[in-house]
Amino acid sequence: MSDTARGDRISVSGTSNYDSVDCGTFDVSGKATVSRDVRADDVDVSGKATVGGDMESQDVEATGKLEVDGSTAADQLTISGKLAVGGNLDGHDVDASGKLSVDGSLVAADASVSGKVEIDALTDVTDLTVSGTAAFDDVNAETFTGAGSVTAGDVRADSFDLTVDGRSAVDALTATDVVVRDSAQSGSFLRRLLRGDGVLDVGTVEAETADLDATRADTVAAETVTLGPDAEVGTVYADTLDAHADATVDETRDYAAY
């Protein structure tokens, strides 16, 4: 095991072990194991890299497999392979199209995640775009745009727009504007059967405007509520309610009563 590896560029094409790394570019096309921290302007992993401590970088690109036991901080992260972070992930721009798992929190200005995503603590992102299968704890965002299957705890956003494909579930949703739709609605009835039931199960929706289909909610409270044919709601609190004839609503009350 060596001491801290330093230099403008460290390239690994075979198998290398380091105590820690502090360099300009850390390029791993083979297999690299770092027992402690990595500090590099650029990190490029097309092979496999394991970091036992924290990682700090301006630009991280992983087309292979990157595992960081500690926390990761970078201005730009581009992940098309696999990134697993044992601590927190802090980035300005995050683009993950492979598999991303974070045991701690995700903090970013802009995050676009697709494929399979698991964030175990708070996700605090200004603009969050999700597709594929994503599992979050609580979420704070200005804009949340999703397509696929999403599970989360409490979600707070200015704008929440979800196209469900498969089962999704949110404990509570608070936003200014909420739109939920089923991705299979434009297809035939047979296609919808083959693709499965796309639905969002949610405890409470609080908004100014809520346009909901493919949704099962205990309570919806908004000034204006629109329900599509595949919406099922226990109690609606609204000033204005426009419900499709096939929508199911157990009880309606004035918005002021909420």
C-alpha atoms as a PDB file:
ATOM      1  CA  MET A   1       0.000   0.000   0.000  1.00  0.00           C
ATOM      2  CA  SER A   2       1.483   3.359  -1.017  1.00  0.00           C
ATOM      3  CA  ASP A   3       1.178   6.800   0.590  1.00  0.00           C
ATOM      4  CA  THR A   4      -0.814   9.608  -1.044  1.00  0.00           C
ATOM      5  CA  ALA A   5      -0.503   9.410  -4.813  1.00  0.00           C
ATOM      6  CA  ARG A   6       0.003  12.863  -6.361  1.00  0.00           C
ATOM      7  CA  GLY A   7       0.445  14.240  -9.858  1.00  0.00           C
ATOM      8  CA  ASP A   8      -1.262  15.918 -12.769  1.00  0.00           C
ATOM      9  CA  ARG A   9      -2.668  12.609 -13.978  1.00  0.00           C
ATOM     10  CA  ILE A  10      -2.961   9.153 -12.441  1.00  0.00           C
ATOM     11  CA  SER A  11      -4.079   6.435 -14.864  1.00  0.00           C
ATOM     12  CA  VAL A  12      -4.977   2.899 -13.868  1.00  0.00           C
ATOM     13  CA  SER A  13      -5.300   0.281 -16.605  1.00  0.00           C
ATOM     14  CA  GLY A  14      -4.386  -2.763 -14.541  1.00  0.00           C
ATOM     15  CA  THR A  15      -4.876  -3.180 -10.782  1.00  0.00           C
ATOM     16  CA  SER A  16      -3.605  -0.531  -8.356  1.00  0.00           C
ATOM     17  CA  ASN A  17      -3.985   0.175  -4.633  1.00  0.00           C
ATOM     18  CA  TYR A  18      -3.536   3.571  -2.996  1.00  0.00           C
ATOM     19  CA  ASP A  19      -3.729   4.995   0.491  1.00  0.00           C
ATOM     20  CA  SER A  20      -5.197   8.264  -0.864  1.00  0.00           C
ATOM     21  CA  VAL A  21      -5.192  10.176  -4.156  1.00  0.00           C
ATOM     22  CA  ASP A  22      -4.625  13.909  -4.771  1.00  0.00           C
ATOM     23  CA  CYS A  23      -4.228  14.759  -8.446  1.00  0.00           C
ATOM     24  CA  GLY A  24      -5.500  16.639 -11.464  1.00  0.00           C
ATOM     25  CA  THR A  25      -7.058  13.670 -13.299  1.00  0.00           C
ATOM     26  CA  PHE A  26      -7.822  10.229 -11.869  1.00  0.00           C
ATOM     27  CA  ASP A  27      -8.509   7.918 -14.816  1.00  0.00           C
ATOM     28  CA  VAL A  28      -9.480   4.333 -14.039  1.00  0.00           C
ATOM     29  CA  SER A  29      -9.997   1.894 -16.897  1.00  0.00           C
ATOM     30  CA  GLY A  30      -8.805  -1.075 -14.848  1.00  0.00           C
ATOM     31  CA  LYS A  31      -9.346  -1.642 -11.132  1.00  0.00           C
ATOM     32  CA  ALA A  32      -8.349   0.880  -8.463  1.00  0.00           C
ATOM     33  CA  THR A  33      -8.760   0.647  -4.697  1.00  0.00           C
ATOM     34  CA  VAL A  34      -8.221   3.745  -2.542  1.00  0.00           C
ATOM     35  CA  SER A  35      -8.409   3.104   1.185  1.00  0.00           C
ATOM     36  CA  ARG A  36      -8.975   6.753   2.146  1.00  0.00           C
ATOM     37  CA  ASP A  37      -9.899   9.958   0.277  1.00  0.00           C
ATOM     38  CA  VAL A  38      -9.760  10.999  -3.365  1.00  0.00           C
ATOM     39  CA  ARG A  39      -9.187  14.636  -4.367  1.00  0.00           C
ATOM     40  CA  ALA A  40      -9.065  15.243  -8.105  1.00  0.00           C
ATOM     41  CA  ASP A  41     -10.172  17.868 -10.605  1.00  0.00           C
ATOM     42  CA  ASP A  42     -11.489  15.129 -12.894  1.00  0.00           C
ATOM     43  CA  VAL A  43     -12.461  11.541 -12.085  1.00  0.00           C
ATOM     44  CA  ASP A  44     -13.144   9.197 -15.010  1.00  0.00           C
ATOM     45  CA  VAL A  45     -14.060   5.592 -14.211  1.00  0.00           C
ATOM     46  CA  SER A  46     -14.668   3.180 -17.063  1.00  0.00           C
ATOM     47  CA  GLY A  47     -13.454   0.187 -15.065  1.00  0.00           C
ATOM     48  CA  LYS A  48     -13.976  -0.241 -11.318  1.00  0.00           C
ATOM     49  CA  ALA A  49     -12.931   2.131  -8.536  1.00  0.00           C
ATOM     50  CA  THR A  50     -13.486   1.742  -4.795  1.00  0.00           C
ATOM     51  CA  VAL A  51     -12.921   4.670  -2.426  1.00  0.00           C
ATOM     52  CA  GLY A  52     -12.836   3.976   1.302  1.00  0.00           C
ATOM     53  CA  GLY A  53     -13.211   7.623   2.363  1.00  0.00           C
ATOM     54  CA  ASP A  54     -14.651  10.768   0.763  1.00  0.00           C
ATOM     55  CA  MET A  55     -14.331  11.935  -2.832  1.00  0.00           C
ATOM     56  CA  GLU A  56     -14.115  15.565  -3.999  1.00  0.00           C
ATOM     57  CA  SER A  57     -13.917  16.552  -7.653  1.00  0.00           C
ATOM     58  CA  GLN A  58     -15.010  19.152 -10.150  1.00  0.00           C
ATOM     59  CA  ASP A  59     -16.076  16.605 -12.766  1.00  0.00           C
ATOM     60  CA  VAL A  60     -16.959  12.937 -12.202  1.00  0.00           C
ATOM     61  CA  GLU A  61     -17.818  10.583 -15.064  1.00  0.00           C
ATOM     62  CA  ALA A  62     -18.517   6.919 -14.414  1.00  0.00           C
ATOM     63  CA  THR A  63     -19.334   4.548 -17.241  1.00  0.00           C
ATOM     64  CA  GLY A  64     -18.085   1.643 -15.151  1.00  0.00           C
ATOM     65  CA  LYS A  65     -18.540   0.978 -11.415  1.00  0.00           C
ATOM     66  CA  LEU A  66     -17.661   3.554  -8.761  1.00  0.00           C
ATOM     67  CA  GLU A  67     -18.158   2.906  -5.045  1.00  0.00           C
ATOM     68  CA  VAL A  68     -17.492   5.573  -2.406  1.00  0.00           C
ATOM     69  CA  ASP A  69     -17.857   4.572   1.243  1.00  0.00           C
ATOM     70  CA  GLY A  70     -17.920   8.178   2.441  1.00  0.00           C
ATOM     71  CA  SER A  71     -19.487  11.288   0.893  1.00  0.00           C
ATOM     72  CA  THR A  72     -19.066  12.626  -2.631  1.00  0.00           C
ATOM     73  CA  ALA A  73     -18.956  16.266  -3.747  1.00  0.00           C
ATOM     74  CA  ALA A  74     -18.597  17.403  -7.363  1.00  0.00           C
ATOM     75  CA  ASP A  75     -19.740  20.222  -9.626  1.00  0.00           C
ATOM     76  CA  GLN A  76     -20.689  17.861 -12.443  1.00  0.00           C
ATOM     77  CA  LEU A  77     -21.520  14.151 -12.123  1.00  0.00           C
ATOM     78  CA  THR A  78     -22.316  12.040 -15.170  1.00  0.00           C
ATOM     79  CA  ILE A  79     -23.191   8.426 -14.375  1.00  0.00           C
ATOM     80  CA  SER A  80     -24.076   5.897 -17.062  1.00  0.00           C
ATOM     81  CA  GLY A  81     -22.670   2.931 -15.162  1.00  0.00           C
ATOM     82  CA  LYS A  82     -23.057   2.509 -11.404  1.00  0.00           C
ATOM     83  CA  LEU A  83     -22.371   4.920  -8.553  1.00  0.00           C
ATOM     84  CA  ALA A  84     -22.865   3.873  -4.925  1.00  0.00           C
ATOM     85  CA  VAL A  85     -22.288   6.487  -2.204  1.00  0.00           C
ATOM     86  CA  GLY A  86     -22.211   5.498   1.463  1.00  0.00           C
ATOM     87  CA  GLY A  87     -22.567   9.078   2.724  1.00  0.00           C
ATOM     88  CA  ASN A  88     -24.050  12.206   1.120  1.00  0.00           C
ATOM     89  CA  LEU A  89     -23.938  13.223  -2.541  1.00  0.00           C
ATOM     90  CA  ASP A  90     -23.508  16.945  -3.160  1.00  0.00           C
ATOM     91  CA  GLY A  91     -23.345  18.135  -6.751  1.00  0.00           C
ATOM     92  CA  HIS A  92     -24.320  21.135  -8.833  1.00  0.00           C
ATOM     93  CA  ASP A  93     -25.406  19.104 -11.881  1.00  0.00           C
ATOM     94  CA  VAL A  94     -26.160  15.390 -11.576  1.00  0.00           C
ATOM     95  CA  ASP A  95     -26.963  13.266 -14.641  1.00  0.00           C
ATOM     96  CA  ALA A  96     -27.419   9.596 -13.768  1.00  0.00           C
ATOM     97  CA  SER A  97     -28.723   7.219 -16.427  1.00  0.00           C
ATOM     98  CA  GLY A  98     -27.425   3.972 -14.934  1.00  0.00           C
ATOM     99  CA  LYS A  99     -27.771   2.935 -11.293  1.00  0.00           C
ATOM    100  CA  LEU A 100     -27.398   5.474  -8.503  1.00  0.00           C
ATOM    101  CA  SER A 101     -27.641   4.628  -4.816  1.00  0.00           C
ATOM    102  CA  VAL A 102     -26.980   7.078  -1.973  1.00  0.00           C
ATOM    103  CA  ASP A 103     -27.189   6.060   1.679  1.00  0.00           C
ATOM    104  CA  GLY A 104     -27.291   9.717   2.771  1.00  0.00           C
ATOM    105  CA  SER A 105     -28.800  12.832   1.198  1.00  0.00           C
ATOM    106  CA  LEU A 106     -28.730  14.163  -2.367  1.00  0.00           C
ATOM    107  CA  VAL A 107     -28.251  17.936  -2.737  1.00  0.00           C
ATOM    108  CA  ALA A 108     -28.010  19.518  -6.189  1.00  0.00           C
ATOM    109  CA  ALA A 109     -29.142  22.442  -8.298  1.00  0.00           C
ATOM    110  CA  ASP A 110     -30.175  20.210 -11.183  1.00  0.00           C
ATOM    111  CA  ALA A 111     -30.560  16.432 -11.116  1.00  0.00           C
ATOM    112  CA  SER A 112     -31.714  14.193 -13.949  1.00  0.00           C
ATOM    113  CA  VAL A 113     -31.916  10.562 -12.880  1.00  0.00           C
ATOM    114  CA  SER A 114     -33.067   7.564 -14.882  1.00  0.00           C
ATOM    115  CA  GLY A 115     -32.599   3.842 -14.717  1.00  0.00           C
ATOM    116  CA  LYS A 116     -32.658   2.793 -11.043  1.00  0.00           C
ATOM    117  CA  VAL A 117     -32.245   5.362  -8.272  1.00  0.00           C
ATOM    118  CA  GLU A 118     -32.290   4.921  -4.479  1.00  0.00           C
ATOM    119  CA  ILE A 119     -31.792   7.879  -2.114  1.00  0.00           C
ATOM    120  CA  ASP A 120     -32.118   6.925   1.553  1.00  0.00           C
ATOM    121  CA  ALA A 121     -32.166  10.427   3.122  1.00  0.00           C
ATOM    122  CA  LEU A 122     -33.407  13.876   2.036  1.00  0.00           C
ATOM    123  CA  THR A 123     -33.328  14.806  -1.647  1.00  0.00           C
ATOM    124  CA  ASP A 124     -32.988  18.604  -1.917  1.00  0.00           C
ATOM    125  CA  VAL A 125     -32.803  19.594  -5.582  1.00  0.00           C
ATOM    126  CA  THR A 126     -33.924  22.746  -7.371  1.00  0.00           C
ATOM    127  CA  ASP A 127     -34.945  20.984 -10.599  1.00  0.00           C
ATOM    128  CA  LEU A 128     -35.471  17.216 -10.327  1.00  0.00           C
ATOM    129  CA  THR A 129     -36.239  15.053 -13.364  1.00  0.00           C
ATOM    130  CA  VAL A 130     -36.907  11.351 -12.793  1.00  0.00           C
ATOM    131  CA  SER A 131     -37.540   8.451 -15.146  1.00  0.00           C
ATOM    132  CA  GLY A 132     -37.343   4.719 -14.665  1.00  0.00           C
ATOM    133  CA  THR A 133     -37.587   3.410 -11.093  1.00  0.00           C
ATOM    134  CA  ALA A 134     -36.786   5.799  -8.262  1.00  0.00           C
ATOM    135  CA  ALA A 135     -37.064   5.464  -4.491  1.00  0.00           C
ATOM    136  CA  PHE A 136     -36.644   8.524  -2.265  1.00  0.00           C
ATOM    137  CA  ASP A 137     -37.043   9.430   1.372  1.00  0.00           C
ATOM    138  CA  ASP A 138     -38.361  13.021   1.655  1.00  0.00           C
ATOM    139  CA  VAL A 139     -38.017  15.374  -1.327  1.00  0.00           C
ATOM    140  CA  ASN A 140     -37.722  19.172  -1.540  1.00  0.00           C
ATOM    141  CA  ALA A 141     -37.707  20.653  -5.049  1.00  0.00           C
ATOM    142  CA  GLU A 142     -38.868  23.649  -7.037  1.00  0.00           C
ATOM    143  CA  THR A 143     -39.819  21.444  -9.986  1.00  0.00           C
ATOM    144  CA  PHE A 144     -40.374  17.677  -9.859  1.00  0.00           C
ATOM    145  CA  THR A 145     -40.904  16.061 -13.261  1.00  0.00           C
ATOM    146  CA  GLY A 146     -41.263  12.298 -13.226  1.00  0.00           C
ATOM    147  CA  ALA A 147     -42.060   9.399 -15.534  1.00  0.00           C
ATOM    148  CA  GLY A 148     -42.067   5.780 -14.426  1.00  0.00           C
ATOM    149  CA  SER A 149     -42.373   4.311 -10.933  1.00  0.00           C
ATOM    150  CA  VAL A 150     -41.621   6.635  -8.002  1.00  0.00           C
ATOM    151  CA  THR A 151     -41.818   6.017  -4.263  1.00  0.00           C
ATOM    152  CA  ALA A 152     -41.164   8.735  -1.689  1.00  0.00           C
ATOM    153  CA  GLY A 153     -42.015   9.977   1.776  1.00  0.00           C
ATOM    154  CA  ASP A 154     -43.106  13.626   1.987  1.00  0.00           C
ATOM    155  CA  VAL A 155     -42.685  15.560  -1.271  1.00  0.00           C
ATOM    156  CA  ARG A 156     -42.695  19.364  -1.352  1.00  0.00           C
ATOM    157  CA  ALA A 157     -42.397  21.226  -4.649  1.00  0.00           C
ATOM    158  CA  ASP A 158     -43.633  24.299  -6.494  1.00  0.00           C
ATOM    159  CA  SER A 159     -44.516  22.142  -9.507  1.00  0.00           C
ATOM    160  CA  PHE A 160     -45.107  18.366  -9.400  1.00  0.00           C
ATOM    161  CA  ASP A 161     -45.722  16.541 -12.692  1.00  0.00           C
ATOM    162  CA  LEU A 162     -45.736  12.723 -12.736  1.00  0.00           C
ATOM    163  CA  THR A 163     -46.548  10.290 -15.521  1.00  0.00           C
ATOM    164  CA  VAL A 164     -46.946   6.964 -13.755  1.00  0.00           C
ATOM    165  CA  ASP A 165     -45.921   3.713 -15.417  1.00  0.00           C
ATOM    166  CA  GLY A 166     -46.351   0.972 -12.847  1.00  0.00           C
ATOM    167  CA  ARG A 167     -46.939   1.434  -9.142  1.00  0.00           C
ATOM    168  CA  SER A 168     -45.936   4.685  -7.440  1.00  0.00           C
ATOM    169  CA  ALA A 169     -46.453   5.746  -3.838  1.00  0.00           C
ATOM    170  CA  VAL A 170     -45.996   9.018  -1.924  1.00  0.00           C
ATOM    171  CA  ASP A 171     -46.847   9.526   1.732  1.00  0.00           C
ATOM    172  CA  ALA A 172     -47.814  13.203   1.378  1.00  0.00           C
ATOM    173  CA  LEU A 173     -47.563  15.653  -1.523  1.00  0.00           C
ATOM    174  CA  THR A 174     -47.515  19.439  -1.081  1.00  0.00           C
ATOM    175  CA  ALA A 175     -47.104  21.639  -4.161  1.00  0.00           C
ATOM    176  CA  THR A 176     -48.500  24.699  -5.876  1.00  0.00           C
ATOM    177  CA  ASP A 177     -49.464  22.802  -9.024  1.00  0.00           C
ATOM    178  CA  VAL A 178     -49.896  19.017  -9.212  1.00  0.00           C
ATOM    179  CA  VAL A 179     -50.435  16.929 -12.347  1.00  0.00           C
ATOM    180  CA  VAL A 180     -50.605  13.119 -12.316  1.00  0.00           C
ATOM    181  CA  ARG A 181     -51.392  11.035 -15.404  1.00  0.00           C
ATOM    182  CA  ASP A 182     -51.125   7.443 -16.636  1.00  0.00           C
ATOM    183  CA  SER A 183     -48.590   6.845 -19.388  1.00  0.00           C
ATOM    184  CA  ALA A 184     -50.756   4.073 -20.883  1.00  0.00           C
ATOM    185  CA  GLN A 185     -53.864   6.172 -21.472  1.00  0.00           C
ATOM    186  CA  SER A 186     -52.988   6.846 -25.075  1.00  0.00           C
ATOM    187  CA  GLY A 187     -52.712   3.122 -25.798  1.00  0.00           C
ATOM    188  CA  SER A 188     -55.323   0.473 -26.327  1.00  0.00           C
ATOM    189  CA  PHE A 189     -57.120  -1.248 -23.473  1.00  0.00           C
ATOM    190  CA  LEU A 190     -55.178  -4.457 -24.225  1.00  0.00           C
ATOM    191  CA  ARG A 191     -51.874  -2.576 -24.107  1.00  0.00           C
ATOM    192  CA  ARG A 192     -52.783  -1.121 -20.733  1.00  0.00           C
ATOM    193  CA  LEU A 193     -53.579  -4.580 -19.402  1.00  0.00           C
ATOM    194  CA  LEU A 194     -50.268  -5.943 -20.648  1.00  0.00           C
ATOM    195  CA  ARG A 195     -48.272  -3.052 -19.209  1.00  0.00           C
ATOM    196  CA  GLY A 196     -49.885  -3.257 -15.788  1.00  0.00           C
ATOM    197  CA  ASP A 197     -51.811  -0.831 -13.667  1.00  0.00           C
ATOM    198  CA  GLY A 198     -50.139   2.579 -13.558  1.00  0.00           C
ATOM    199  CA  VAL A 199     -51.286   4.321 -10.384  1.00  0.00           C
ATOM    200  CA  LEU A 200     -50.039   6.722  -7.712  1.00  0.00           C
ATOM    201  CA  ASP A 201     -51.039   5.860  -4.151  1.00  0.00           C
ATOM    202  CA  VAL A 202     -50.823   8.970  -1.972  1.00  0.00           C
ATOM    203  CA  GLY A 203     -52.050   9.828   1.496  1.00  0.00           C
ATOM    204  CA  THR A 204     -52.650  13.585   1.195  1.00  0.00           C
ATOM    205  CA  VAL A 205     -52.376  16.043  -1.693  1.00  0.00           C
ATOM    206  CA  GLU A 206     -52.258  19.758  -0.814  1.00  0.00           C
ATOM    207  CA  ALA A 207     -52.050  22.242  -3.677  1.00  0.00           C
ATOM    208  CA  GLU A 208     -53.532  25.302  -5.342  1.00  0.00           C
ATOM    209  CA  THR A 209     -54.419  23.301  -8.461  1.00  0.00           C
ATOM    210  CA  ALA A 210     -54.531  19.508  -8.645  1.00  0.00           C
ATOM    211  CA  ASP A 211     -55.148  17.648 -11.921  1.00  0.00           C
ATOM    212  CA  LEU A 212     -55.214  13.979 -10.990  1.00  0.00           C
ATOM    213  CA  ASP A 213     -55.728  10.757 -12.865  1.00  0.00           C
ATOM    214  CA  ALA A 214     -54.315   7.290 -12.184  1.00  0.00           C
ATOM    215  CA  THR A 215     -54.341   8.350  -8.525  1.00  0.00           C
ATOM    216  CA  ARG A 216     -55.651   6.831  -5.316  1.00  0.00           C
ATOM    217  CA  ALA A 217     -55.649   9.437  -2.540  1.00  0.00           C
ATOM    218  CA  ASP A 218     -57.074   9.552   0.945  1.00  0.00           C
ATOM    219  CA  THR A 219     -57.418  13.361   0.881  1.00  0.00           C
ATOM    220  CA  VAL A 220     -57.067  16.019  -1.797  1.00  0.00           C
ATOM    221  CA  ALA A 221     -57.174  19.686  -0.751  1.00  0.00           C
ATOM    222  CA  ALA A 222     -56.821  22.361  -3.444  1.00  0.00           C
ATOM    223  CA  GLU A 223     -58.627  25.444  -4.665  1.00  0.00           C
ATOM    224  CA  THR A 224     -59.194  23.781  -8.038  1.00  0.00           C
ATOM    225  CA  VAL A 225     -59.354  19.997  -8.434  1.00  0.00           C
ATOM    226  CA  THR A 226     -59.727  18.057 -11.687  1.00  0.00           C
ATOM    227  CA  LEU A 227     -60.172  14.292 -11.534  1.00  0.00           C
ATOM    228  CA  GLY A 228     -59.799  11.922 -14.462  1.00  0.00           C
ATOM    229  CA  PRO A 229     -61.614   8.601 -14.945  1.00  0.00           C
ATOM    230  CA  ASP A 230     -59.002   6.586 -13.035  1.00  0.00           C
ATOM    231  CA  ALA A 231     -58.940   8.779  -9.923  1.00  0.00           C
ATOM    232  CA  GLU A 232     -60.163   7.505  -6.556  1.00  0.00           C
ATOM    233  CA  VAL A 233     -60.289   9.958  -3.646  1.00  0.00           C
ATOM    234  CA  GLY A 234     -61.665   9.609  -0.135  1.00  0.00           C
ATOM    235  CA  THR A 235     -62.314  13.294   0.627  1.00  0.00           C
ATOM    236  CA  VAL A 236     -61.937  16.280  -1.689  1.00  0.00           C
ATOM    237  CA  TYR A 237     -61.664  19.803  -0.263  1.00  0.00           C
ATOM    238  CA  ALA A 238     -62.036  22.261  -3.141  1.00  0.00           C
ATOM    239  CA  ASP A 239     -63.582  25.537  -4.272  1.00  0.00           C
ATOM    240  CA  THR A 240     -63.954  24.109  -7.768  1.00  0.00           C
ATOM    241  CA  LEU A 241     -64.207  20.384  -8.540  1.00  0.00           C
ATOM    242  CA  ASP A 242     -64.366  18.925 -12.051  1.00  0.00           C
ATOM    243  CA  ALA A 243     -64.637  15.142 -11.784  1.00  0.00           C
ATOM    244  CA  HIS A 244     -64.982  12.692 -14.656  1.00  0.00           C
ATOM    245  CA  ALA A 245     -68.098  10.557 -14.504  1.00  0.00           C
ATOM    246  CA  ASP A 246     -65.970   7.460 -13.863  1.00  0.00           C
ATOM    247  CA  ALA A 247     -63.924   9.054 -11.069  1.00  0.00           C
ATOM    248  CA  THR A 248     -64.656   7.913  -7.524  1.00  0.00           C
ATOM    249  CA  VAL A 249     -65.077  10.447  -4.716  1.00  0.00           C
ATOM    250  CA  ASP A 250     -66.431   9.409  -1.328  1.00  0.00           C
ATOM    251  CA  GLU A 251     -66.952  12.904   0.098  1.00  0.00           C
ATOM    252  CA  THR A 252     -66.653  16.545  -1.037  1.00  0.00           C
ATOM    253  CA  ARG A 253     -66.235  19.591   1.179  1.00  0.00           C
ATOM    254  CA  ASP A 254     -65.510  23.287   0.720  1.00  0.00           C
ATOM    255  CA  TYR A 255     -61.843  24.178   0.562  1.00  0.00           C
ATOM    256  CA  ALA A 256     -62.288  26.557   3.511  1.00  0.00           C
ATOM    257  CA  ALA A 257     -63.193  23.587   5.705  1.00  0.00           C
ATOM    258  CA  TYR A 258     -59.722  22.050   5.320  1.00  0.00           C
END
